[in-house]
């Protein structure tokens, strides 16, 4: 099997949510020191549908568990159906839809998801 180039995939996790996260009723009320926020989750289009997204998500969940974290949250553009499908297959639950202030870029609404680990 051919190796997947490192630049074909990216995930960035931190503990700093967008401000819009603060106005949402999450399923679990916890301090962000106990929560990973997926800030960036990207798979290059040339590598879609071969399990890279699932592998990145599995890695993120494993890292959260190893770090003693109990929750992961993320936002996704409302029309990014492939990503939404992946997140839901991975057990993330839809929480709310918010404006992240990216309307100038044609990205008006984002869905928020949460997963208890």
PDB file of N, CA and C in Angstrom:
ATOM      1  N   UNK A   1       0.842  -1.175   0.000  1.00  0.00           N
ATOM      2  CA  UNK A   1       0.000   0.000   0.000  1.00  0.00           C
ATOM      3  C   UNK A   1       0.888   1.240   0.000  1.00  0.00           C
ATOM      4  N   UNK A   2       0.511   2.218  -0.772  1.00  0.00           N
ATOM      5  CA  UNK A   2       1.254   3.467  -0.864  1.00  0.00           C
ATOM      6  C   UNK A   2       1.057   4.299   0.398  1.00  0.00           C
ATOM      7  N   UNK A   3       2.118   4.934   0.881  1.00  0.00           N
ATOM      8  CA  UNK A   3       2.033   5.787   2.073  1.00  0.00           C
ATOM      9  C   UNK A   3       1.219   7.035   1.771  1.00  0.00           C
ATOM     10  N   UNK A   4       0.473   7.487   2.760  1.00  0.00           N
ATOM     11  CA  UNK A   4      -0.323   8.717   2.640  1.00  0.00           C
ATOM     12  C   UNK A   4       0.573   9.879   3.043  1.00  0.00           C
ATOM     13  N   UNK A   5       0.757  10.882   2.175  1.00  0.00           N
ATOM     14  CA  UNK A   5       1.606  12.027   2.519  1.00  0.00           C
ATOM     15  C   UNK A   5       1.092  12.770   3.747  1.00  0.00           C
ATOM     16  N   UNK A   6       2.000  13.248   4.576  1.00  0.00           N
ATOM     17  CA  UNK A   6       1.617  13.967   5.787  1.00  0.00           C
ATOM     18  C   UNK A   6       0.762  15.195   5.491  1.00  0.00           C
ATOM     19  N   UNK A   7       1.024  15.882   4.391  1.00  0.00           N
ATOM     20  CA  UNK A   7       0.282  17.106   4.085  1.00  0.00           C
ATOM     21  C   UNK A   7      -1.139  16.828   3.605  1.00  0.00           C
ATOM     22  N   UNK A   8      -1.535  15.576   3.519  1.00  0.00           N
ATOM     23  CA  UNK A   8      -2.866  15.240   3.022  1.00  0.00           C
ATOM     24  C   UNK A   8      -3.918  15.237   4.120  1.00  0.00           C
ATOM     25  N   UNK A   9      -3.483  15.402   5.367  1.00  0.00           N
ATOM     26  CA  UNK A   9      -4.420  15.344   6.485  1.00  0.00           C
ATOM     27  C   UNK A   9      -3.936  16.227   7.621  1.00  0.00           C
ATOM     28  N   UNK A  10      -4.891  16.798   8.354  1.00  0.00           N
ATOM     29  CA  UNK A  10      -4.548  17.664   9.472  1.00  0.00           C
ATOM     30  C   UNK A  10      -5.658  17.618  10.506  1.00  0.00           C
ATOM     31  N   UNK A  11      -5.278  17.571  11.766  1.00  0.00           N
ATOM     32  CA  UNK A  11      -6.226  17.773  12.858  1.00  0.00           C
ATOM     33  C   UNK A  11      -5.527  18.645  13.900  1.00  0.00           C
ATOM     34  N   UNK A  12      -6.248  19.650  14.378  1.00  0.00           N
ATOM     35  CA  UNK A  12      -5.732  20.523  15.429  1.00  0.00           C
ATOM     36  C   UNK A  12      -6.730  20.486  16.574  1.00  0.00           C
ATOM     37  N   UNK A  13      -6.229  20.139  17.751  1.00  0.00           N
ATOM     38  CA  UNK A  13      -7.045  20.050  18.956  1.00  0.00           C
ATOM     39  C   UNK A  13      -6.503  21.044  19.979  1.00  0.00           C
ATOM     40  N   UNK A  14      -7.413  21.737  20.668  1.00  0.00           N
ATOM     41  CA  UNK A  14      -6.988  22.598  21.768  1.00  0.00           C
ATOM     42  C   UNK A  14      -8.125  22.708  22.783  1.00  0.00           C
ATOM     43  N   UNK A  15      -7.986  23.630  23.711  1.00  0.00           N
ATOM     44  CA  UNK A  15      -8.987  23.824  24.765  1.00  0.00           C
ATOM     45  C   UNK A  15      -9.637  25.202  24.667  1.00  0.00           C
ATOM     46  N   UNK A  16      -9.634  25.793  23.483  1.00  0.00           N
ATOM     47  CA  UNK A  16     -10.103  27.170  23.316  1.00  0.00           C
ATOM     48  C   UNK A  16     -11.208  27.243  22.271  1.00  0.00           C
ATOM     49  N   UNK A  17     -12.463  27.217  22.720  1.00  0.00           N
ATOM     50  CA  UNK A  17     -13.577  27.260  21.771  1.00  0.00           C
ATOM     51  C   UNK A  17     -13.789  28.658  21.206  1.00  0.00           C
ATOM     52  N   UNK A  18     -14.483  28.710  20.089  1.00  0.00           N
ATOM     53  CA  UNK A  18     -14.935  29.981  19.549  1.00  0.00           C
ATOM     54  C   UNK A  18     -15.907  30.599  20.547  1.00  0.00           C
ATOM     55  N   UNK A  19     -15.998  31.929  20.582  1.00  0.00           N
ATOM     56  CA  UNK A  19     -16.895  32.612  21.519  1.00  0.00           C
ATOM     57  C   UNK A  19     -18.345  32.147  21.410  1.00  0.00           C
ATOM     58  N   UNK A  20     -18.776  31.775  20.212  1.00  0.00           N
ATOM     59  CA  UNK A  20     -20.159  31.339  20.014  1.00  0.00           C
ATOM     60  C   UNK A  20     -20.481  30.080  20.822  1.00  0.00           C
ATOM     61  N   UNK A  21     -19.491  29.314  21.196  1.00  0.00           N
ATOM     62  CA  UNK A  21     -19.714  28.103  21.999  1.00  0.00           C
ATOM     63  C   UNK A  21     -20.285  28.457  23.381  1.00  0.00           C
ATOM     64  N   UNK A  22     -19.985  29.661  23.861  1.00  0.00           N
ATOM     65  CA  UNK A  22     -20.390  30.055  25.210  1.00  0.00           C
ATOM     66  C   UNK A  22     -21.893  30.286  25.345  1.00  0.00           C
ATOM     67  N   UNK A  23     -22.597  30.503  24.264  1.00  0.00           N
ATOM     68  CA  UNK A  23     -24.024  30.808  24.306  1.00  0.00           C
ATOM     69  C   UNK A  23     -24.886  29.594  23.988  1.00  0.00           C
ATOM     70  N   UNK A  24     -24.317  28.416  24.114  1.00  0.00           N
ATOM     71  CA  UNK A  24     -24.990  27.177  23.719  1.00  0.00           C
ATOM     72  C   UNK A  24     -25.237  26.319  24.960  1.00  0.00           C
ATOM     73  N   UNK A  25     -26.363  25.629  24.971  1.00  0.00           N
ATOM     74  CA  UNK A  25     -26.652  24.676  26.052  1.00  0.00           C
ATOM     75  C   UNK A  25     -26.097  23.318  25.641  1.00  0.00           C
ATOM     76  N   UNK A  26     -24.900  23.018  26.114  1.00  0.00           N
ATOM     77  CA  UNK A  26     -24.254  21.745  25.837  1.00  0.00           C
ATOM     78  C   UNK A  26     -24.877  20.661  26.703  1.00  0.00           C
ATOM     79  N   UNK A  27     -24.725  19.422  26.306  1.00  0.00           N
ATOM     80  CA  UNK A  27     -25.253  18.310  27.101  1.00  0.00           C
ATOM     81  C   UNK A  27     -24.532  18.223  28.442  1.00  0.00           C
ATOM     82  N   UNK A  28     -23.248  18.562  28.425  1.00  0.00           N
ATOM     83  CA  UNK A  28     -22.427  18.464  29.621  1.00  0.00           C
ATOM     84  C   UNK A  28     -21.815  19.824  29.902  1.00  0.00           C
ATOM     85  N   UNK A  29     -21.934  20.285  31.127  1.00  0.00           N
ATOM     86  CA  UNK A  29     -21.326  21.543  31.532  1.00  0.00           C
ATOM     87  C   UNK A  29     -19.981  21.220  32.172  1.00  0.00           C
ATOM     88  N   UNK A  30     -18.901  21.567  31.499  1.00  0.00           N
ATOM     89  CA  UNK A  30     -17.564  21.262  32.013  1.00  0.00           C
ATOM     90  C   UNK A  30     -16.601  22.369  31.626  1.00  0.00           C
ATOM     91  N   UNK A  31     -15.567  22.504  32.402  1.00  0.00           N
ATOM     92  CA  UNK A  31     -14.512  23.466  32.127  1.00  0.00           C
ATOM     93  C   UNK A  31     -13.734  23.008  30.895  1.00  0.00           C
ATOM     94  N   UNK A  32     -13.304  23.961  30.073  1.00  0.00           N
ATOM     95  CA  UNK A  32     -12.608  23.603  28.834  1.00  0.00           C
ATOM     96  C   UNK A  32     -11.233  22.977  29.059  1.00  0.00           C
ATOM     97  N   UNK A  33     -10.740  22.995  30.267  1.00  0.00           N
ATOM     98  CA  UNK A  33      -9.495  22.263  30.529  1.00  0.00           C
ATOM     99  C   UNK A  33      -9.741  20.752  30.449  1.00  0.00           C
ATOM    100  N   UNK A  34     -11.017  20.318  30.500  1.00  0.00           N
ATOM    101  CA  UNK A  34     -11.384  18.899  30.415  1.00  0.00           C
ATOM    102  C   UNK A  34     -11.970  18.546  29.048  1.00  0.00           C
ATOM    103  N   UNK A  35     -11.886  19.490  28.107  1.00  0.00           N
ATOM    104  CA  UNK A  35     -12.525  19.307  26.803  1.00  0.00           C
ATOM    105  C   UNK A  35     -11.525  19.609  25.694  1.00  0.00           C
ATOM    106  N   UNK A  36     -11.462  18.728  24.705  1.00  0.00           N
ATOM    107  CA  UNK A  36     -10.748  19.040  23.466  1.00  0.00           C
ATOM    108  C   UNK A  36     -11.749  19.668  22.506  1.00  0.00           C
ATOM    109  N   UNK A  37     -11.319  20.712  21.844  1.00  0.00           N
ATOM    110  CA  UNK A  37     -12.080  21.312  20.753  1.00  0.00           C
ATOM    111  C   UNK A  37     -11.316  21.005  19.469  1.00  0.00           C
ATOM    112  N   UNK A  38     -12.004  20.384  18.520  1.00  0.00           N
ATOM    113  CA  UNK A  38     -11.375  20.156  17.219  1.00  0.00           C
ATOM    114  C   UNK A  38     -11.480  21.465  16.455  1.00  0.00           C
ATOM    115  N   UNK A  39     -10.351  22.128  16.300  1.00  0.00           N
ATOM    116  CA  UNK A  39     -10.299  23.439  15.658  1.00  0.00           C
ATOM    117  C   UNK A  39     -10.155  23.321  14.141  1.00  0.00           C
ATOM    118  N   UNK A  40      -9.434  22.311  13.720  1.00  0.00           N
ATOM    119  CA  UNK A  40      -9.224  22.066  12.297  1.00  0.00           C
ATOM    120  C   UNK A  40      -9.262  20.567  12.072  1.00  0.00           C
ATOM    121  N   UNK A  41      -9.971  20.157  11.035  1.00  0.00           N
ATOM    122  CA  UNK A  41     -10.038  18.745  10.669  1.00  0.00           C
ATOM    123  C   UNK A  41     -10.125  18.707   9.152  1.00  0.00           C
ATOM    124  N   UNK A  42      -9.032  18.318   8.504  1.00  0.00           N
ATOM    125  CA  UNK A  42      -8.946  18.413   7.049  1.00  0.00           C
ATOM    126  C   UNK A  42      -8.372  17.128   6.465  1.00  0.00           C
ATOM    127  N   UNK A  43      -9.012  16.664   5.399  1.00  0.00           N
ATOM    128  CA  UNK A  43      -8.471  15.589   4.581  1.00  0.00           C
ATOM    129  C   UNK A  43      -8.457  16.097   3.147  1.00  0.00           C
ATOM    130  N   UNK A  44      -7.310  16.030   2.516  1.00  0.00           N
ATOM    131  CA  UNK A  44      -7.181  16.501   1.131  1.00  0.00           C
ATOM    132  C   UNK A  44      -8.160  15.737   0.249  1.00  0.00           C
ATOM    133  N   UNK A  45      -8.833  16.438  -0.675  1.00  0.00           N
ATOM    134  CA  UNK A  45      -9.822  15.781  -1.541  1.00  0.00           C
ATOM    135  C   UNK A  45      -9.307  14.552  -2.287  1.00  0.00           C
ATOM    136  N   UNK A  46      -8.032  14.505  -2.591  1.00  0.00           N
ATOM    137  CA  UNK A  46      -7.473  13.341  -3.289  1.00  0.00           C
ATOM    138  C   UNK A  46      -7.461  12.084  -2.425  1.00  0.00           C
ATOM    139  N   UNK A  47      -7.677  12.256  -1.111  1.00  0.00           N
ATOM    140  CA  UNK A  47      -7.589  11.126  -0.186  1.00  0.00           C
ATOM    141  C   UNK A  47      -8.905  10.862   0.540  1.00  0.00           C
ATOM    142  N   UNK A  48     -10.009  11.318  -0.037  1.00  0.00           N
ATOM    143  CA  UNK A  48     -11.315  11.076   0.565  1.00  0.00           C
ATOM    144  C   UNK A  48     -11.758   9.638   0.317  1.00  0.00           C
ATOM    145  N   UNK A  49     -12.600   9.144   1.201  1.00  0.00           N
ATOM    146  CA  UNK A  49     -13.255   7.841   1.065  1.00  0.00           C
ATOM    147  C   UNK A  49     -12.301   6.646   1.122  1.00  0.00           C
ATOM    148  N   UNK A  50     -11.149   6.845   1.810  1.00  0.00           N
ATOM    149  CA  UNK A  50     -10.249   5.700   2.010  1.00  0.00           C
ATOM    150  C   UNK A  50      -9.936   5.501   3.497  1.00  0.00           C
ATOM    151  N   UNK A  51     -10.706   6.146   4.369  1.00  0.00           N
ATOM    152  CA  UNK A  51     -10.564   5.927   5.804  1.00  0.00           C
ATOM    153  C   UNK A  51      -9.664   6.899   6.538  1.00  0.00           C
ATOM    154  N   UNK A  52      -9.148   7.909   5.849  1.00  0.00           N
ATOM    155  CA  UNK A  52      -8.245   8.863   6.504  1.00  0.00           C
ATOM    156  C   UNK A  52      -8.994   9.671   7.568  1.00  0.00           C
ATOM    157  N   UNK A  53     -10.186  10.148   7.234  1.00  0.00           N
ATOM    158  CA  UNK A  53     -10.972  10.927   8.202  1.00  0.00           C
ATOM    159  C   UNK A  53     -11.270  10.116   9.447  1.00  0.00           C
ATOM    160  N   UNK A  54     -11.677   8.881   9.273  1.00  0.00           N
ATOM    161  CA  UNK A  54     -11.978   8.023  10.419  1.00  0.00           C
ATOM    162  C   UNK A  54     -10.719   7.784  11.251  1.00  0.00           C
ATOM    163  N   UNK A  55      -9.583   7.583  10.588  1.00  0.00           N
ATOM    164  CA  UNK A  55      -8.327   7.376  11.311  1.00  0.00           C
ATOM    165  C   UNK A  55      -7.948   8.615  12.116  1.00  0.00           C
ATOM    166  N   UNK A  56      -8.115   9.796  11.533  1.00  0.00           N
ATOM    167  CA  UNK A  56      -7.837  11.043  12.266  1.00  0.00           C
ATOM    168  C   UNK A  56      -8.757  11.180  13.471  1.00  0.00           C
ATOM    169  N   UNK A  57     -10.031  10.849  13.281  1.00  0.00           N
ATOM    170  CA  UNK A  57     -10.979  10.960  14.383  1.00  0.00           C
ATOM    171  C   UNK A  57     -10.635   9.945  15.475  1.00  0.00           C
ATOM    172  N   UNK A  58     -10.307   8.710  15.086  1.00  0.00           N
ATOM    173  CA  UNK A  58      -9.916   7.701  16.073  1.00  0.00           C
ATOM    174  C   UNK A  58      -8.682   8.166  16.850  1.00  0.00           C
ATOM    175  N   UNK A  59      -7.727   8.757  16.148  1.00  0.00           N
ATOM    176  CA  UNK A  59      -6.535   9.289  16.806  1.00  0.00           C
ATOM    177  C   UNK A  59      -6.911  10.373  17.810  1.00  0.00           C
ATOM    178  N   UNK A  60      -7.796  11.277  17.408  1.00  0.00           N
ATOM    179  CA  UNK A  60      -8.214  12.379  18.285  1.00  0.00           C
ATOM    180  C   UNK A  60      -8.891  11.848  19.548  1.00  0.00           C
ATOM    181  N   UNK A  61      -9.756  10.854  19.394  1.00  0.00           N
ATOM    182  CA  UNK A  61     -10.450  10.268  20.535  1.00  0.00           C
ATOM    183  C   UNK A  61      -9.465   9.552  21.467  1.00  0.00           C
ATOM    184  N   UNK A  62      -8.525   8.837  20.885  1.00  0.00           N
ATOM    185  CA  UNK A  62      -7.516   8.132  21.684  1.00  0.00           C
ATOM    186  C   UNK A  62      -6.640   9.128  22.442  1.00  0.00           C
ATOM    187  N   UNK A  63      -6.235  10.189  21.778  1.00  0.00           N
ATOM    188  CA  UNK A  63      -5.421  11.211  22.430  1.00  0.00           C
ATOM    189  C   UNK A  63      -6.183  11.853  23.583  1.00  0.00           C
ATOM    190  N   UNK A  64      -7.464  12.131  23.381  1.00  0.00           N
ATOM    191  CA  UNK A  64      -8.282  12.707  24.450  1.00  0.00           C
ATOM    192  C   UNK A  64      -8.335  11.760  25.647  1.00  0.00           C
ATOM    193  N   UNK A  65      -8.569  10.484  25.388  1.00  0.00           N
ATOM    194  CA  UNK A  65      -8.622   9.500  26.474  1.00  0.00           C
ATOM    195  C   UNK A  65      -7.284   9.421  27.210  1.00  0.00           C
ATOM    196  N   UNK A  66      -6.197   9.366  26.469  1.00  0.00           N
ATOM    197  CA  UNK A  66      -4.863   9.286  27.079  1.00  0.00           C
ATOM    198  C   UNK A  66      -4.548  10.538  27.894  1.00  0.00           C
ATOM    199  N   UNK A  67      -5.146  11.667  27.506  1.00  0.00           N
ATOM    200  CA  UNK A  67      -4.919  12.933  28.206  1.00  0.00           C
ATOM    201  C   UNK A  67      -5.869  13.108  29.389  1.00  0.00           C
ATOM    202  N   UNK A  68      -6.750  12.138  29.612  1.00  0.00           N
ATOM    203  CA  UNK A  68      -7.684  12.208  30.724  1.00  0.00           C
ATOM    204  C   UNK A  68      -8.868  13.125  30.473  1.00  0.00           C
ATOM    205  N   UNK A  69      -9.116  13.450  29.212  1.00  0.00           N
ATOM    206  CA  UNK A  69     -10.237  14.333  28.880  1.00  0.00           C
ATOM    207  C   UNK A  69     -11.500  13.507  28.712  1.00  0.00           C
ATOM    208  N   UNK A  70     -12.633  14.132  28.956  1.00  0.00           N
ATOM    209  CA  UNK A  70     -13.904  13.420  28.935  1.00  0.00           C
ATOM    210  C   UNK A  70     -14.806  13.800  27.766  1.00  0.00           C
ATOM    211  N   UNK A  71     -14.474  14.883  27.059  1.00  0.00           N
ATOM    212  CA  UNK A  71     -15.366  15.389  26.021  1.00  0.00           C
ATOM    213  C   UNK A  71     -14.573  15.944  24.844  1.00  0.00           C
ATOM    214  N   UNK A  72     -15.190  15.874  23.665  1.00  0.00           N
ATOM    215  CA  UNK A  72     -14.662  16.544  22.485  1.00  0.00           C
ATOM    216  C   UNK A  72     -15.819  17.311  21.857  1.00  0.00           C
ATOM    217  N   UNK A  73     -15.546  18.539  21.457  1.00  0.00           N
ATOM    218  CA  UNK A  73     -16.531  19.371  20.777  1.00  0.00           C
ATOM    219  C   UNK A  73     -15.953  19.846  19.457  1.00  0.00           C
ATOM    220  N   UNK A  74     -16.841  20.160  18.522  1.00  0.00           N
ATOM    221  CA  UNK A  74     -16.399  20.674  17.230  1.00  0.00           C
ATOM    222  C   UNK A  74     -17.519  21.455  16.567  1.00  0.00           C
ATOM    223  N   UNK A  75     -17.123  22.233  15.569  1.00  0.00           N
ATOM    224  CA  UNK A  75     -18.105  22.903  14.722  1.00  0.00           C
ATOM    225  C   UNK A  75     -17.811  22.542  13.283  1.00  0.00           C
ATOM    226  N   UNK A  76     -18.856  22.564  12.478  1.00  0.00           N
ATOM    227  CA  UNK A  76     -18.726  22.188  11.072  1.00  0.00           C
ATOM    228  C   UNK A  76     -19.707  23.026  10.262  1.00  0.00           C
ATOM    229  N   UNK A  77     -19.255  23.508   9.122  1.00  0.00           N
ATOM    230  CA  UNK A  77     -20.130  24.281   8.245  1.00  0.00           C
ATOM    231  C   UNK A  77     -21.359  23.447   7.915  1.00  0.00           C
ATOM    232  N   UNK A  78     -22.526  24.069   7.997  1.00  0.00           N
ATOM    233  CA  UNK A  78     -23.790  23.336   7.876  1.00  0.00           C
ATOM    234  C   UNK A  78     -23.966  22.571   6.567  1.00  0.00           C
ATOM    235  N   UNK A  79     -23.260  22.949   5.522  1.00  0.00           N
ATOM    236  CA  UNK A  79     -23.392  22.256   4.237  1.00  0.00           C
ATOM    237  C   UNK A  79     -22.236  21.301   3.943  1.00  0.00           C
ATOM    238  N   UNK A  80     -21.402  21.056   4.928  1.00  0.00           N
ATOM    239  CA  UNK A  80     -20.295  20.113   4.751  1.00  0.00           C
ATOM    240  C   UNK A  80     -20.805  18.712   5.115  1.00  0.00           C
ATOM    241  N   UNK A  81     -21.620  18.171   4.232  1.00  0.00           N
ATOM    242  CA  UNK A  81     -22.311  16.909   4.499  1.00  0.00           C
ATOM    243  C   UNK A  81     -21.377  15.714   4.708  1.00  0.00           C
ATOM    244  N   UNK A  82     -20.265  15.595   3.965  1.00  0.00           N
ATOM    245  CA  UNK A  82     -19.362  14.468   4.238  1.00  0.00           C
ATOM    246  C   UNK A  82     -18.790  14.509   5.662  1.00  0.00           C
ATOM    247  N   UNK A  83     -18.399  15.689   6.118  1.00  0.00           N
ATOM    248  CA  UNK A  83     -17.848  15.806   7.473  1.00  0.00           C
ATOM    249  C   UNK A  83     -18.933  15.535   8.511  1.00  0.00           C
ATOM    250  N   UNK A  84     -20.117  16.086   8.309  1.00  0.00           N
ATOM    251  CA  UNK A  84     -21.218  15.853   9.244  1.00  0.00           C
ATOM    252  C   UNK A  84     -21.505  14.361   9.346  1.00  0.00           C
ATOM    253  N   UNK A  85     -21.523  13.684   8.223  1.00  0.00           N
ATOM    254  CA  UNK A  85     -21.763  12.242   8.213  1.00  0.00           C
ATOM    255  C   UNK A  85     -20.687  11.503   9.014  1.00  0.00           C
ATOM    256  N   UNK A  86     -19.433  11.865   8.819  1.00  0.00           N
ATOM    257  CA  UNK A  86     -18.338  11.237   9.558  1.00  0.00           C
ATOM    258  C   UNK A  86     -18.507  11.459  11.053  1.00  0.00           C
ATOM    259  N   UNK A  87     -18.749  12.697  11.464  1.00  0.00           N
ATOM    260  CA  UNK A  87     -18.863  13.005  12.887  1.00  0.00           C
ATOM    261  C   UNK A  87     -20.013  12.225  13.519  1.00  0.00           C
ATOM    262  N   UNK A  88     -21.133  12.150  12.824  1.00  0.00           N
ATOM    263  CA  UNK A  88     -22.272  11.425  13.369  1.00  0.00           C
ATOM    264  C   UNK A  88     -21.984   9.924  13.436  1.00  0.00           C
ATOM    265  N   UNK A  89     -21.287   9.376  12.435  1.00  0.00           N
ATOM    266  CA  UNK A  89     -20.905   7.958  12.482  1.00  0.00           C
ATOM    267  C   UNK A  89     -19.929   7.678  13.628  1.00  0.00           C
ATOM    268  N   UNK A  90     -19.165   8.688  14.001  1.00  0.00           N
ATOM    269  CA  UNK A  90     -18.205   8.538  15.099  1.00  0.00           C
ATOM    270  C   UNK A  90     -18.848   8.785  16.465  1.00  0.00           C
ATOM    271  N   UNK A  91     -20.138   9.024  16.500  1.00  0.00           N
ATOM    272  CA  UNK A  91     -20.847   9.154  17.769  1.00  0.00           C
ATOM    273  C   UNK A  91     -21.016  10.556  18.303  1.00  0.00           C
ATOM    274  N   UNK A  92     -20.683  11.567  17.500  1.00  0.00           N
ATOM    275  CA  UNK A  92     -20.914  12.939  17.938  1.00  0.00           C
ATOM    276  C   UNK A  92     -22.400  13.255  17.857  1.00  0.00           C
ATOM    277  N   UNK A  93     -22.886  14.019  18.835  1.00  0.00           N
ATOM    278  CA  UNK A  93     -24.287  14.395  18.880  1.00  0.00           C
ATOM    279  C   UNK A  93     -24.449  15.871  18.542  1.00  0.00           C
ATOM    280  N   UNK A  94     -25.410  16.147  17.669  1.00  0.00           N
ATOM    281  CA  UNK A  94     -25.715  17.527  17.289  1.00  0.00           C
ATOM    282  C   UNK A  94     -26.241  18.269  18.514  1.00  0.00           C
ATOM    283  N   UNK A  95     -25.753  19.501  18.714  1.00  0.00           N
ATOM    284  CA  UNK A  95     -26.159  20.318  19.853  1.00  0.00           C
ATOM    285  C   UNK A  95     -26.940  21.552  19.415  1.00  0.00           C
ATOM    286  N   UNK A  96     -26.403  22.310  18.460  1.00  0.00           N
ATOM    287  CA  UNK A  96     -27.035  23.573  18.067  1.00  0.00           C
ATOM    288  C   UNK A  96     -26.391  24.065  16.778  1.00  0.00           C
ATOM    289  N   UNK A  97     -26.990  25.083  16.177  1.00  0.00           N
ATOM    290  CA  UNK A  97     -26.427  25.749  15.001  1.00  0.00           C
ATOM    291  C   UNK A  97     -26.167  27.198  15.374  1.00  0.00           C
ATOM    292  N   UNK A  98     -24.975  27.704  15.049  1.00  0.00           N
ATOM    293  CA  UNK A  98     -24.574  29.058  15.450  1.00  0.00           C
ATOM    294  C   UNK A  98     -23.908  29.796  14.293  1.00  0.00           C
ATOM    295  N   UNK A  99     -23.810  31.099  14.463  1.00  0.00           N
ATOM    296  CA  UNK A  99     -23.087  31.972  13.540  1.00  0.00           C
ATOM    297  C   UNK A  99     -21.703  32.208  14.132  1.00  0.00           C
ATOM    298  N   UNK A 100     -20.668  31.799  13.418  1.00  0.00           N
ATOM    299  CA  UNK A 100     -19.295  32.006  13.888  1.00  0.00           C
ATOM    300  C   UNK A 100     -18.672  33.277  13.315  1.00  0.00           C
ATOM    301  N   UNK A 101     -19.483  34.098  12.656  1.00  0.00           N
ATOM    302  CA  UNK A 101     -18.980  35.351  12.123  1.00  0.00           C
ATOM    303  C   UNK A 101     -18.202  35.217  10.829  1.00  0.00           C
ATOM    304  N   UNK A 102     -18.451  34.169  10.074  1.00  0.00           N
ATOM    305  CA  UNK A 102     -17.730  33.946   8.822  1.00  0.00           C
ATOM    306  C   UNK A 102     -18.617  34.164   7.597  1.00  0.00           C
ATOM    307  N   UNK A 103     -19.714  34.877   7.776  1.00  0.00           N
ATOM    308  CA  UNK A 103     -20.643  35.137   6.690  1.00  0.00           C
ATOM    309  C   UNK A 103     -20.011  35.840   5.503  1.00  0.00           C
ATOM    310  N   UNK A 104     -19.005  36.671   5.737  1.00  0.00           N
ATOM    311  CA  UNK A 104     -18.314  37.365   4.640  1.00  0.00           C
ATOM    312  C   UNK A 104     -17.628  36.387   3.698  1.00  0.00           C
ATOM    313  N   UNK A 105     -17.408  35.166   4.166  1.00  0.00           N
ATOM    314  CA  UNK A 105     -16.774  34.118   3.358  1.00  0.00           C
ATOM    315  C   UNK A 105     -17.794  33.118   2.827  1.00  0.00           C
ATOM    316  N   UNK A 106     -19.075  33.449   3.001  1.00  0.00           N
ATOM    317  CA  UNK A 106     -20.137  32.565   2.537  1.00  0.00           C
ATOM    318  C   UNK A 106     -20.412  31.408   3.473  1.00  0.00           C
ATOM    319  N   UNK A 107     -19.899  31.500   4.685  1.00  0.00           N
ATOM    320  CA  UNK A 107     -20.077  30.448   5.688  1.00  0.00           C
ATOM    321  C   UNK A 107     -20.943  31.006   6.822  1.00  0.00           C
ATOM    322  N   UNK A 108     -22.247  30.973   6.611  1.00  0.00           N
ATOM    323  CA  UNK A 108     -23.149  31.635   7.557  1.00  0.00           C
ATOM    324  C   UNK A 108     -23.409  30.848   8.837  1.00  0.00           C
ATOM    325  N   UNK A 109     -23.659  29.569   8.739  1.00  0.00           N
ATOM    326  CA  UNK A 109     -24.082  28.788   9.899  1.00  0.00           C
ATOM    327  C   UNK A 109     -23.213  27.550  10.088  1.00  0.00           C
ATOM    328  N   UNK A 110     -22.929  27.274  11.343  1.00  0.00           N
ATOM    329  CA  UNK A 110     -22.131  26.115  11.712  1.00  0.00           C
ATOM    330  C   UNK A 110     -22.888  25.272  12.725  1.00  0.00           C
ATOM    331  N   UNK A 111     -22.826  23.959  12.522  1.00  0.00           N
ATOM    332  CA  UNK A 111     -23.427  23.024  13.453  1.00  0.00           C
ATOM    333  C   UNK A 111     -22.391  22.681  14.528  1.00  0.00           C
ATOM    334  N   UNK A 112     -22.834  22.630  15.762  1.00  0.00           N
ATOM    335  CA  UNK A 112     -21.983  22.254  16.871  1.00  0.00           C
ATOM    336  C   UNK A 112     -22.288  20.820  17.293  1.00  0.00           C
ATOM    337  N   UNK A 113     -21.232  20.065  17.546  1.00  0.00           N
ATOM    338  CA  UNK A 113     -21.358  18.672  17.950  1.00  0.00           C
ATOM    339  C   UNK A 113     -20.519  18.426  19.208  1.00  0.00           C
ATOM    340  N   UNK A 114     -20.947  17.420  19.968  1.00  0.00           N
ATOM    341  CA  UNK A 114     -20.244  17.049  21.200  1.00  0.00           C
ATOM    342  C   UNK A 114     -20.220  15.528  21.318  1.00  0.00           C
ATOM    343  N   UNK A 115     -19.125  15.012  21.863  1.00  0.00           N
ATOM    344  CA  UNK A 115     -19.027  13.577  22.124  1.00  0.00           C
ATOM    345  C   UNK A 115     -18.482  13.393  23.527  1.00  0.00           C
ATOM    346  N   UNK A 116     -19.183  12.582  24.293  1.00  0.00           N
ATOM    347  CA  UNK A 116     -18.695  12.190  25.618  1.00  0.00           C
ATOM    348  C   UNK A 116     -17.851  10.941  25.400  1.00  0.00           C
ATOM    349  N   UNK A 117     -16.632  10.960  25.952  1.00  0.00           N
ATOM    350  CA  UNK A 117     -15.701   9.854  25.745  1.00  0.00           C
ATOM    351  C   UNK A 117     -15.818   8.880  26.913  1.00  0.00           C
TER     352      UNK A 117
END
